[in-house]
């Protein structure tokens, strides 16, 4: 369980959100500049809230400035919008970076059909392939939660649809809290167990759509 109750002063508004995520996919949906990525950054430890608390399972990650767990100790996977792959490393070395479970990583490479790209460099592979590499790299760290910042935005429709199915399969196998940021409502409806509507730094509404059996 991931629990978030944070406030952060920004230049144009104050972020003020409170929500929790069980072993489900929760979508942060809303216009650009509404604070969605800032929420992810605060959870990951990239940015620091002004006040509030963040707790993942039994570990307090942030508590009113008294407790601030550093990024590398939070055990949270993060897939950035641009994938943030290391350009000087091969696909396999990118995946192996921070990897805890080599067998799992190789199983995921086989399942997502990128085994043949092992010795390629990021510049040599497509956007969809980069997205898969970034996803496997995040999962191979065996995270307790996974954050996805618009990971499908640069993909064509066919590749995006395939990536959606891959994410759902990964989540069925790896039941952890997942937070996905997207601007696409159809994508939010397809992937989210819950959709949180974020505007001007606050959650204005919530939509729950059970589209598959929950455990």
Protein backbone atom coordinates (compact mmCIF):
# COMPACT_ATOMS: atom_id res chain seq x y z
CA UNK A 1 0.00 0.00 0.00
CA UNK A 2 1.26 3.44 -0.99
CA UNK A 3 -0.18 6.35 0.97
CA UNK A 4 0.35 9.96 -0.12
CA UNK A 5 -0.72 13.08 1.78
CA UNK A 6 1.46 15.98 0.67
CA UNK A 7 1.53 19.71 0.11
CA UNK A 8 4.10 21.55 -1.96
CA UNK A 9 4.30 25.24 -2.83
CA UNK A 10 4.81 25.75 -6.55
CA UNK A 11 5.14 28.97 -8.53
CA UNK A 12 1.55 29.02 -9.81
CA UNK A 13 -0.39 27.09 -7.15
CA UNK A 14 0.02 24.89 -4.08
CA UNK A 15 -0.03 21.17 -4.65
CA UNK A 16 -2.31 19.54 -2.07
CA UNK A 17 -3.21 15.87 -2.63
CA UNK A 18 -4.22 12.92 -0.50
CA UNK A 19 -4.75 9.39 -1.84
CA UNK A 20 -3.68 5.78 -1.43
CA UNK A 21 -2.85 3.03 -3.90
CA UNK A 22 -3.23 -0.68 -3.15
CA UNK A 23 -1.99 -3.38 -5.55
CA UNK A 24 -3.75 -1.66 -8.43
CA UNK A 25 -3.17 0.76 -11.28
CA UNK A 26 -4.15 4.32 -10.39
CA UNK A 27 -4.12 6.92 -13.16
CA UNK A 28 -3.37 10.60 -12.57
CA UNK A 29 -5.31 12.34 -15.31
CA UNK A 30 -5.52 16.03 -16.07
CA UNK A 31 -4.19 18.93 -18.15
CA UNK A 32 -0.52 19.78 -18.53
CA UNK A 33 0.88 21.73 -15.62
CA UNK A 34 -1.67 20.44 -13.12
CA UNK A 35 0.94 18.81 -10.85
CA UNK A 36 0.83 15.16 -11.95
CA UNK A 37 4.55 14.75 -12.59
CA UNK A 38 5.37 16.70 -9.43
CA UNK A 39 3.38 14.13 -7.46
CA UNK A 40 5.46 11.33 -8.99
CA UNK A 41 8.68 13.22 -8.26
CA UNK A 42 7.70 13.65 -4.62
CA UNK A 43 6.92 9.95 -4.25
CA UNK A 44 10.18 8.93 -5.93
CA UNK A 45 12.26 11.39 -3.91
CA UNK A 46 13.30 13.51 -6.89
CA UNK A 47 11.44 16.45 -5.35
CA UNK A 48 10.62 17.20 -1.72
CA UNK A 49 7.16 18.18 -0.47
CA UNK A 50 6.78 21.25 1.71
CA UNK A 51 4.78 19.28 4.28
CA UNK A 52 2.95 15.98 4.56
CA UNK A 53 3.67 12.26 4.62
CA UNK A 54 4.45 9.50 2.14
CA UNK A 55 4.40 5.87 3.25
CA UNK A 56 5.05 2.70 1.26
CA UNK A 57 3.97 -0.48 3.02
CA UNK A 58 5.51 -0.20 6.51
CA UNK A 59 8.18 2.33 5.55
CA UNK A 60 7.73 6.08 5.99
CA UNK A 61 9.49 7.75 3.06
CA UNK A 62 8.71 11.33 4.03
CA UNK A 63 7.23 12.90 7.15
CA UNK A 64 7.10 16.67 7.59
CA UNK A 65 10.81 17.12 6.94
CA UNK A 66 11.73 14.84 9.87
CA UNK A 67 12.12 11.76 7.68
CA UNK A 68 13.42 11.95 4.13
CA UNK A 69 14.44 8.59 2.68
CA UNK A 70 16.86 9.10 -0.26
CA UNK A 71 15.89 8.06 -3.78
CA UNK A 72 18.06 4.95 -3.94
CA UNK A 73 16.59 3.53 -0.73
CA UNK A 74 12.89 3.95 -1.60
CA UNK A 75 12.71 0.82 -3.80
CA UNK A 76 10.41 2.54 -6.28
CA UNK A 77 10.62 1.91 -10.02
CA UNK A 78 10.24 4.92 -12.33
CA UNK A 79 9.67 4.97 -16.09
CA UNK A 80 10.22 8.48 -17.42
CA UNK A 81 8.41 9.98 -20.41
CA UNK A 82 11.63 9.96 -22.45
CA UNK A 83 12.64 6.59 -20.91
CA UNK A 84 15.99 8.00 -19.67
CA UNK A 85 18.03 5.08 -20.98
CA UNK A 86 21.81 5.36 -20.68
CA UNK A 87 22.97 6.03 -24.28
CA UNK A 88 26.46 4.59 -23.70
CA UNK A 89 25.10 1.25 -22.42
CA UNK A 90 23.66 -1.65 -24.37
CA UNK A 91 20.07 -2.74 -23.83
CA UNK A 92 21.19 -5.51 -21.50
CA UNK A 93 23.47 -3.22 -19.48
CA UNK A 94 20.62 -0.70 -19.16
CA UNK A 95 18.36 -3.43 -17.81
CA UNK A 96 21.07 -4.84 -15.55
CA UNK A 97 21.64 -1.44 -13.93
CA UNK A 98 20.26 -1.79 -10.41
CA UNK A 99 18.91 -5.25 -11.25
CA UNK A 100 18.15 -7.57 -8.33
CA UNK A 101 16.83 -10.56 -10.25
CA UNK A 102 18.62 -11.56 -13.46
CA UNK A 103 16.27 -14.47 -14.09
CA UNK A 104 13.24 -12.20 -13.89
CA UNK A 105 14.87 -9.67 -16.24
CA UNK A 106 15.62 -12.33 -18.84
CA UNK A 107 12.11 -13.78 -18.53
CA UNK A 108 10.63 -10.32 -19.13
CA UNK A 109 12.92 -9.74 -22.12
CA UNK A 110 11.65 -12.99 -23.60
CA UNK A 111 8.01 -12.22 -22.78
CA UNK A 112 8.23 -8.72 -24.28
CA UNK A 113 10.21 -10.04 -27.25
CA UNK A 114 13.36 -7.94 -27.00
CA UNK A 115 15.92 -10.70 -26.36
CA UNK A 116 17.45 -10.06 -29.79
CA UNK A 117 18.17 -6.44 -28.82
CA UNK A 118 20.46 -7.33 -25.93
CA UNK A 119 23.63 -5.92 -27.52
CA UNK A 120 22.01 -2.96 -29.24
CA UNK A 121 22.36 0.62 -28.02
CA UNK A 122 19.34 2.91 -27.38
CA UNK A 123 20.03 4.93 -30.54
CA UNK A 124 19.65 1.72 -32.57
CA UNK A 125 16.17 0.73 -31.36
CA UNK A 126 12.64 2.07 -31.86
CA UNK A 127 10.52 4.07 -29.44
CA UNK A 128 8.40 1.04 -28.59
CA UNK A 129 11.51 -1.02 -27.93
CA UNK A 130 12.94 1.72 -25.70
CA UNK A 131 9.67 1.74 -23.75
CA UNK A 132 9.94 -2.02 -23.15
CA UNK A 133 13.57 -1.72 -22.07
CA UNK A 134 12.69 1.04 -19.60
CA UNK A 135 9.80 -1.01 -18.20
CA UNK A 136 11.93 -4.12 -17.75
CA UNK A 137 14.73 -2.09 -16.18
CA UNK A 138 12.27 -0.70 -13.62
CA UNK A 139 10.70 -4.09 -12.83
CA UNK A 140 14.09 -5.86 -12.61
CA UNK A 141 14.89 -3.81 -9.49
CA UNK A 142 11.95 -5.65 -7.84
CA UNK A 143 10.31 -2.40 -6.72
CA UNK A 144 7.58 -2.11 -4.12
CA UNK A 145 5.80 0.44 -6.33
CA UNK A 146 6.06 1.57 -9.96
CA UNK A 147 5.64 5.11 -11.31
CA UNK A 148 4.98 5.69 -15.03
CA UNK A 149 5.15 9.23 -16.42
CA UNK A 150 3.39 9.22 -19.80
CA UNK A 151 5.42 6.23 -21.03
CA UNK A 152 3.24 5.69 -24.11
CA UNK A 153 2.90 9.29 -25.35
CA UNK A 154 5.55 9.05 -28.09
CA UNK A 155 4.30 5.74 -29.52
CA UNK A 156 2.14 5.17 -32.59
CA UNK A 157 -1.36 3.79 -32.03
CA UNK A 158 -0.51 0.16 -32.78
CA UNK A 159 2.59 0.12 -30.59
CA UNK A 160 0.75 1.99 -27.83
CA UNK A 161 -2.04 -0.60 -27.80
CA UNK A 162 0.46 -3.43 -27.60
CA UNK A 163 2.31 -1.67 -24.77
CA UNK A 164 -0.97 -1.31 -22.87
CA UNK A 165 -1.48 -5.06 -22.97
CA UNK A 166 2.10 -5.63 -21.86
CA UNK A 167 1.63 -3.36 -18.85
CA UNK A 168 -1.57 -5.17 -17.84
CA UNK A 169 0.19 -8.55 -18.11
CA UNK A 170 3.12 -7.29 -16.04
CA UNK A 171 0.76 -6.00 -13.38
CA UNK A 172 -1.13 -9.30 -13.23
CA UNK A 173 2.20 -10.99 -12.58
CA UNK A 174 3.76 -8.33 -10.36
CA UNK A 175 0.99 -7.12 -8.07
CA UNK A 176 2.35 -3.83 -6.75
CA UNK A 177 0.97 -0.27 -6.60
CA UNK A 178 1.32 1.40 -10.00
CA UNK A 179 0.70 5.09 -10.68
CA UNK A 180 0.37 6.11 -14.32
CA UNK A 181 0.30 9.68 -15.63
CA UNK A 182 -1.47 10.20 -18.94
CA UNK A 183 -3.32 12.85 -20.97
CA UNK A 184 -5.26 10.23 -22.91
CA UNK A 185 -8.69 9.50 -21.42
CA UNK A 186 -9.19 6.26 -23.38
CA UNK A 187 -5.81 5.11 -22.12
CA UNK A 188 -6.79 6.02 -18.56
CA UNK A 189 -10.07 4.09 -18.88
CA UNK A 190 -8.34 1.04 -20.34
CA UNK A 191 -5.52 0.81 -17.82
CA UNK A 192 -6.78 2.36 -14.60
CA UNK A 193 -8.53 0.59 -11.77
CA UNK A 194 -9.09 4.15 -10.57
CA UNK A 195 -8.71 7.51 -12.27
CA UNK A 196 -7.84 10.55 -10.16
CA UNK A 197 -8.64 13.84 -11.90
CA UNK A 198 -5.91 16.35 -11.05
CA UNK A 199 -6.33 20.07 -11.70
CA UNK A 200 -4.37 23.01 -10.28
CA UNK A 201 -2.61 20.77 -7.79
CA UNK A 202 -5.66 19.10 -6.26
CA UNK A 203 -7.68 15.94 -6.90
CA UNK A 204 -11.05 17.21 -8.13
CA UNK A 205 -12.76 13.89 -8.77
CA UNK A 206 -12.26 10.11 -8.83
CA UNK A 207 -13.57 7.45 -11.19
CA UNK A 208 -13.43 3.79 -10.33
CA UNK A 209 -13.65 1.32 -13.17
CA UNK A 210 -13.08 -2.33 -12.44
CA UNK A 211 -12.13 -3.75 -15.82
CA UNK A 212 -10.53 -6.98 -14.66
CA UNK A 213 -10.59 -9.19 -11.55
CA UNK A 214 -8.71 -7.74 -8.60
CA UNK A 215 -6.75 -9.78 -6.06
